[in-house]
Each structure stands twice: as structure tokens, then as C-alpha cells.
Amino acid sequence: MENPRGFKGRKAPSRRDLLNDIIDYGESARKALYGISREAFLDDDVRHDAVCYKIQCVSEATVQLLHLDPEIAEEFPNLPWHKIRAIGNVLRHVYHDIDLHIIWDAVSGEDLPQFIAFAREALTRIA
């Protein structure tokens, strides 16, 4: 019988899985904005819904990573861990009042690329 909730049925994600999720979903969010203006993004419901979903996935992977490996925040103290967690909470719980300008700035600016770079570096440290 097919899983009605869509879960893959795999074991809990590892640190490597979560870091790869941060990279993959983060890059996908960035790719969705490539070559378009802020105004085009704001006018495209499908695109901003997709980007918000990708950012929510980055946030959730981050939350799970912090539960699995709380010391990682100490290894990378310059990252805005609280903001990454907070944006996921907003997307999940205050979905009716999302400021898409903040989403645009986070994805098209330096915040998300910096976080993707962190995930790549952290992957190199895993034995």
C-alpha cells in the first residue's frame, strides 16, 4: 500500500542528509529567482509559494540539525541561527501574513548563499 502521507519511510536523517537538504533546497530557492526582478517575484504566486516552501525546508533541516548536533552552532557562531529557525516558524504558523520582500531579500541577498556555504563547509568536516 502506498504511504498516504508521502513519507519515504526512511530512517531519521543524518547530519550529512540534513546538510545536503540545506544545500539542495537553498540552491533550488535561489534558482527560482534567477533572472527575475523583485516585482516579477511578487506578482508570481506559484513562484513565491515554491520559494517559501524551499525556505521552510531549509529552516526545518536546520532545526533538525541543531537537535542532532547542537554544537554545530558553536562551530559556526557567525550564522544567524535564530533567524533561520524563526523564518520557518513564520512560514508555518503566520502563513497568512508573510512579507515577501523579506523572503526576496533573504534568498536573493547574501543570507541564503552564506548559509549554503556553511553547509558545504560542514559537509567537508564530516568523516
C-alpha atoms as a PDB file:
ATOM      1  CA  MET A   1       0.000   0.000   0.000  1.00  0.00           C
ATOM      2  CA  GLU A   2       1.272   3.441  -0.891  1.00  0.00           C
ATOM      3  CA  ASN A   3       2.130   5.702   2.009  1.00  0.00           C
ATOM      4  CA  PRO A   4      -0.784   8.194   2.148  1.00  0.00           C
ATOM      5  CA  ARG A   5       1.261  10.937   3.795  1.00  0.00           C
ATOM      6  CA  GLY A   6       4.044  10.902   1.218  1.00  0.00           C
ATOM      7  CA  PHE A   7       6.869   9.893   3.553  1.00  0.00           C
ATOM      8  CA  LYS A   8       9.695   7.886   2.083  1.00  0.00           C
ATOM      9  CA  GLY A   9       9.743   5.613   5.118  1.00  0.00           C
ATOM     10  CA  ARG A  10      13.453   6.058   5.689  1.00  0.00           C
ATOM     11  CA  LYS A  11      15.243   6.299   8.979  1.00  0.00           C
ATOM     12  CA  ALA A  12      15.819   9.624  10.686  1.00  0.00           C
ATOM     13  CA  PRO A  13      18.049  11.898   8.612  1.00  0.00           C
ATOM     14  CA  SER A  14      21.739  12.040   9.437  1.00  0.00           C
ATOM     15  CA  ARG A  15      23.831  15.167   9.806  1.00  0.00           C
ATOM     16  CA  ARG A  16      25.007  14.615   6.200  1.00  0.00           C
ATOM     17  CA  ASP A  17      21.391  14.257   4.974  1.00  0.00           C
ATOM     18  CA  LEU A  18      20.354  17.484   6.683  1.00  0.00           C
ATOM     19  CA  LEU A  19      23.316  19.459   5.366  1.00  0.00           C
ATOM     20  CA  ASN A  20      22.578  18.162   1.864  1.00  0.00           C
ATOM     21  CA  ASP A  21      18.940  19.208   2.290  1.00  0.00           C
ATOM     22  CA  ILE A  22      20.046  22.725   3.255  1.00  0.00           C
ATOM     23  CA  ILE A  23      22.203  22.897   0.138  1.00  0.00           C
ATOM     24  CA  ASP A  24      19.656  21.366  -2.237  1.00  0.00           C
ATOM     25  CA  TYR A  25      16.615  23.313  -1.070  1.00  0.00           C
ATOM     26  CA  GLY A  26      18.618  26.511  -0.710  1.00  0.00           C
ATOM     27  CA  GLU A  27      20.029  26.263  -4.224  1.00  0.00           C
ATOM     28  CA  SER A  28      16.582  25.469  -5.575  1.00  0.00           C
ATOM     29  CA  ALA A  29      15.151  28.596  -3.929  1.00  0.00           C
ATOM     30  CA  ARG A  30      17.962  30.690  -5.417  1.00  0.00           C
ATOM     31  CA  LYS A  31      17.433  29.154  -8.850  1.00  0.00           C
ATOM     32  CA  ALA A  32      13.745  30.091  -8.743  1.00  0.00           C
ATOM     33  CA  LEU A  33      14.742  33.767  -8.518  1.00  0.00           C
ATOM     34  CA  TYR A  34      17.428  33.689 -11.179  1.00  0.00           C
ATOM     35  CA  GLY A  35      16.856  36.277 -13.884  1.00  0.00           C
ATOM     36  CA  ILE A  36      13.686  37.829 -12.493  1.00  0.00           C
ATOM     37  CA  SER A  37      13.028  41.104 -10.739  1.00  0.00           C
ATOM     38  CA  ARG A  38      11.599  41.593  -7.267  1.00  0.00           C
ATOM     39  CA  GLU A  39       8.372  42.824  -8.859  1.00  0.00           C
ATOM     40  CA  ALA A  40       8.089  39.716 -11.054  1.00  0.00           C
ATOM     41  CA  PHE A  41       8.608  37.553  -7.980  1.00  0.00           C
ATOM     42  CA  LEU A  42       5.960  39.429  -6.006  1.00  0.00           C
ATOM     43  CA  ASP A  43       3.464  39.039  -8.867  1.00  0.00           C
ATOM     44  CA  ASP A  44       4.041  35.298  -9.338  1.00  0.00           C
ATOM     45  CA  ASP A  45       2.054  33.299  -6.764  1.00  0.00           C
ATOM     46  CA  VAL A  46       3.394  29.956  -7.932  1.00  0.00           C
ATOM     47  CA  ARG A  47       6.998  31.116  -7.768  1.00  0.00           C
ATOM     48  CA  HIS A  48       6.795  32.732  -4.341  1.00  0.00           C
ATOM     49  CA  ASP A  49       4.882  29.746  -2.955  1.00  0.00           C
ATOM     50  CA  ALA A  50       7.656  27.473  -4.242  1.00  0.00           C
ATOM     51  CA  VAL A  51      10.403  29.670  -2.800  1.00  0.00           C
ATOM     52  CA  CYS A  52       8.632  29.880   0.559  1.00  0.00           C
ATOM     53  CA  TYR A  53       8.347  26.088   0.627  1.00  0.00           C
ATOM     54  CA  LYS A  54      12.055  25.701  -0.139  1.00  0.00           C
ATOM     55  CA  ILE A  55      12.973  28.149   2.623  1.00  0.00           C
ATOM     56  CA  GLN A  56      10.672  26.325   5.025  1.00  0.00           C
ATOM     57  CA  CYS A  57      12.550  23.106   4.171  1.00  0.00           C
ATOM     58  CA  VAL A  58      15.915  24.806   4.793  1.00  0.00           C
ATOM     59  CA  SER A  59      14.625  26.011   8.142  1.00  0.00           C
ATOM     60  CA  GLU A  60      13.275  22.596   9.139  1.00  0.00           C
ATOM     61  CA  ALA A  61      16.531  20.875   8.146  1.00  0.00           C
ATOM     62  CA  THR A  62      18.339  23.443  10.279  1.00  0.00           C
ATOM     63  CA  VAL A  63      16.091  22.795  13.285  1.00  0.00           C
ATOM     64  CA  GLN A  64      16.654  19.046  12.957  1.00  0.00           C
ATOM     65  CA  LEU A  65      20.399  19.584  12.532  1.00  0.00           C
ATOM     66  CA  LEU A  66      20.539  21.657  15.725  1.00  0.00           C
ATOM     67  CA  HIS A  67      18.680  18.910  17.601  1.00  0.00           C
ATOM     68  CA  LEU A  68      21.013  16.251  16.246  1.00  0.00           C
ATOM     69  CA  ASP A  69      24.196  18.282  16.692  1.00  0.00           C
ATOM     70  CA  PRO A  70      23.729  21.330  18.966  1.00  0.00           C
ATOM     71  CA  GLU A  71      27.460  22.046  18.955  1.00  0.00           C
ATOM     72  CA  ILE A  72      27.321  22.997  15.283  1.00  0.00           C
ATOM     73  CA  ALA A  73      26.019  26.434  16.266  1.00  0.00           C
ATOM     74  CA  GLU A  74      29.185  26.913  18.323  1.00  0.00           C
ATOM     75  CA  GLU A  75      31.355  25.760  15.408  1.00  0.00           C
ATOM     76  CA  PHE A  76      29.732  28.390  13.176  1.00  0.00           C
ATOM     77  CA  PRO A  77      28.856  31.241  15.565  1.00  0.00           C
ATOM     78  CA  ASN A  78      28.534  33.917  12.873  1.00  0.00           C
ATOM     79  CA  LEU A  79      25.418  32.399  11.347  1.00  0.00           C
ATOM     80  CA  PRO A  80      22.006  33.819  12.286  1.00  0.00           C
ATOM     81  CA  TRP A  81      20.684  30.533  13.704  1.00  0.00           C
ATOM     82  CA  HIS A  82      17.705  32.181  15.405  1.00  0.00           C
ATOM     83  CA  LYS A  83      16.616  33.887  12.174  1.00  0.00           C
ATOM     84  CA  ILE A  84      16.811  30.631  10.234  1.00  0.00           C
ATOM     85  CA  ARG A  85      14.608  28.917  12.797  1.00  0.00           C
ATOM     86  CA  ALA A  86      12.277  31.916  13.018  1.00  0.00           C
ATOM     87  CA  ILE A  87      11.610  32.191   9.290  1.00  0.00           C
ATOM     88  CA  GLY A  88      10.400  28.597   9.253  1.00  0.00           C
ATOM     89  CA  ASN A  89       8.052  29.316  12.145  1.00  0.00           C
ATOM     90  CA  VAL A  90       6.642  32.326  10.322  1.00  0.00           C
ATOM     91  CA  LEU A  91       6.150  30.344   7.118  1.00  0.00           C
ATOM     92  CA  ARG A  92       4.399  27.543   9.012  1.00  0.00           C
ATOM     93  CA  HIS A  93       2.333  29.486  11.520  1.00  0.00           C
ATOM     94  CA  VAL A  94       1.864  33.015  10.164  1.00  0.00           C
ATOM     95  CA  TYR A  95       1.487  31.964   6.537  1.00  0.00           C
ATOM     96  CA  HIS A  96      -1.372  34.420   6.013  1.00  0.00           C
ATOM     97  CA  ASP A  97       0.888  37.419   6.686  1.00  0.00           C
ATOM     98  CA  ILE A  98       4.235  36.644   5.035  1.00  0.00           C
ATOM     99  CA  ASP A  99       6.280  39.639   3.952  1.00  0.00           C
ATOM    100  CA  LEU A 100       7.525  38.525   0.543  1.00  0.00           C
ATOM    101  CA  HIS A 101      10.038  41.380   0.498  1.00  0.00           C
ATOM    102  CA  ILE A 102      11.848  39.665   3.391  1.00  0.00           C
ATOM    103  CA  ILE A 103      11.786  36.348   1.533  1.00  0.00           C
ATOM    104  CA  TRP A 104      13.196  38.029  -1.582  1.00  0.00           C
ATOM    105  CA  ASP A 105      15.948  39.740   0.411  1.00  0.00           C
ATOM    106  CA  ALA A 106      16.922  36.550   2.244  1.00  0.00           C
ATOM    107  CA  VAL A 107      17.099  34.460  -0.922  1.00  0.00           C
ATOM    108  CA  SER A 108      18.486  36.951  -3.423  1.00  0.00           C
ATOM    109  CA  GLY A 109      20.859  38.658  -0.986  1.00  0.00           C
ATOM    110  CA  GLU A 110      23.740  37.203   0.997  1.00  0.00           C
ATOM    111  CA  ASP A 111      21.859  35.376   3.773  1.00  0.00           C
ATOM    112  CA  LEU A 112      20.976  32.200   1.915  1.00  0.00           C
ATOM    113  CA  PRO A 113      24.249  31.902  -0.047  1.00  0.00           C
ATOM    114  CA  GLN A 114      26.150  32.302   3.240  1.00  0.00           C
ATOM    115  CA  PHE A 115      24.105  29.512   4.783  1.00  0.00           C
ATOM    116  CA  ILE A 116      24.611  27.245   1.766  1.00  0.00           C
ATOM    117  CA  ALA A 117      28.364  27.886   2.021  1.00  0.00           C
ATOM    118  CA  PHE A 118      28.243  26.913   5.706  1.00  0.00           C
ATOM    119  CA  ALA A 119      26.505  23.628   4.835  1.00  0.00           C
ATOM    120  CA  ARG A 120      29.146  22.853   2.195  1.00  0.00           C
ATOM    121  CA  GLU A 121      31.953  23.544   4.672  1.00  0.00           C
ATOM    122  CA  ALA A 122      30.288  21.491   7.397  1.00  0.00           C
ATOM    123  CA  LEU A 123      29.971  18.569   4.971  1.00  0.00           C
ATOM    124  CA  THR A 124      33.733  18.597   4.441  1.00  0.00           C
ATOM    125  CA  ARG A 125      34.239  18.196   8.206  1.00  0.00           C
ATOM    126  CA  ILE A 126      32.180  15.013   8.395  1.00  0.00           C
ATOM    127  CA  ALA A 127      34.370  11.927   8.454  1.00  0.00           C
END
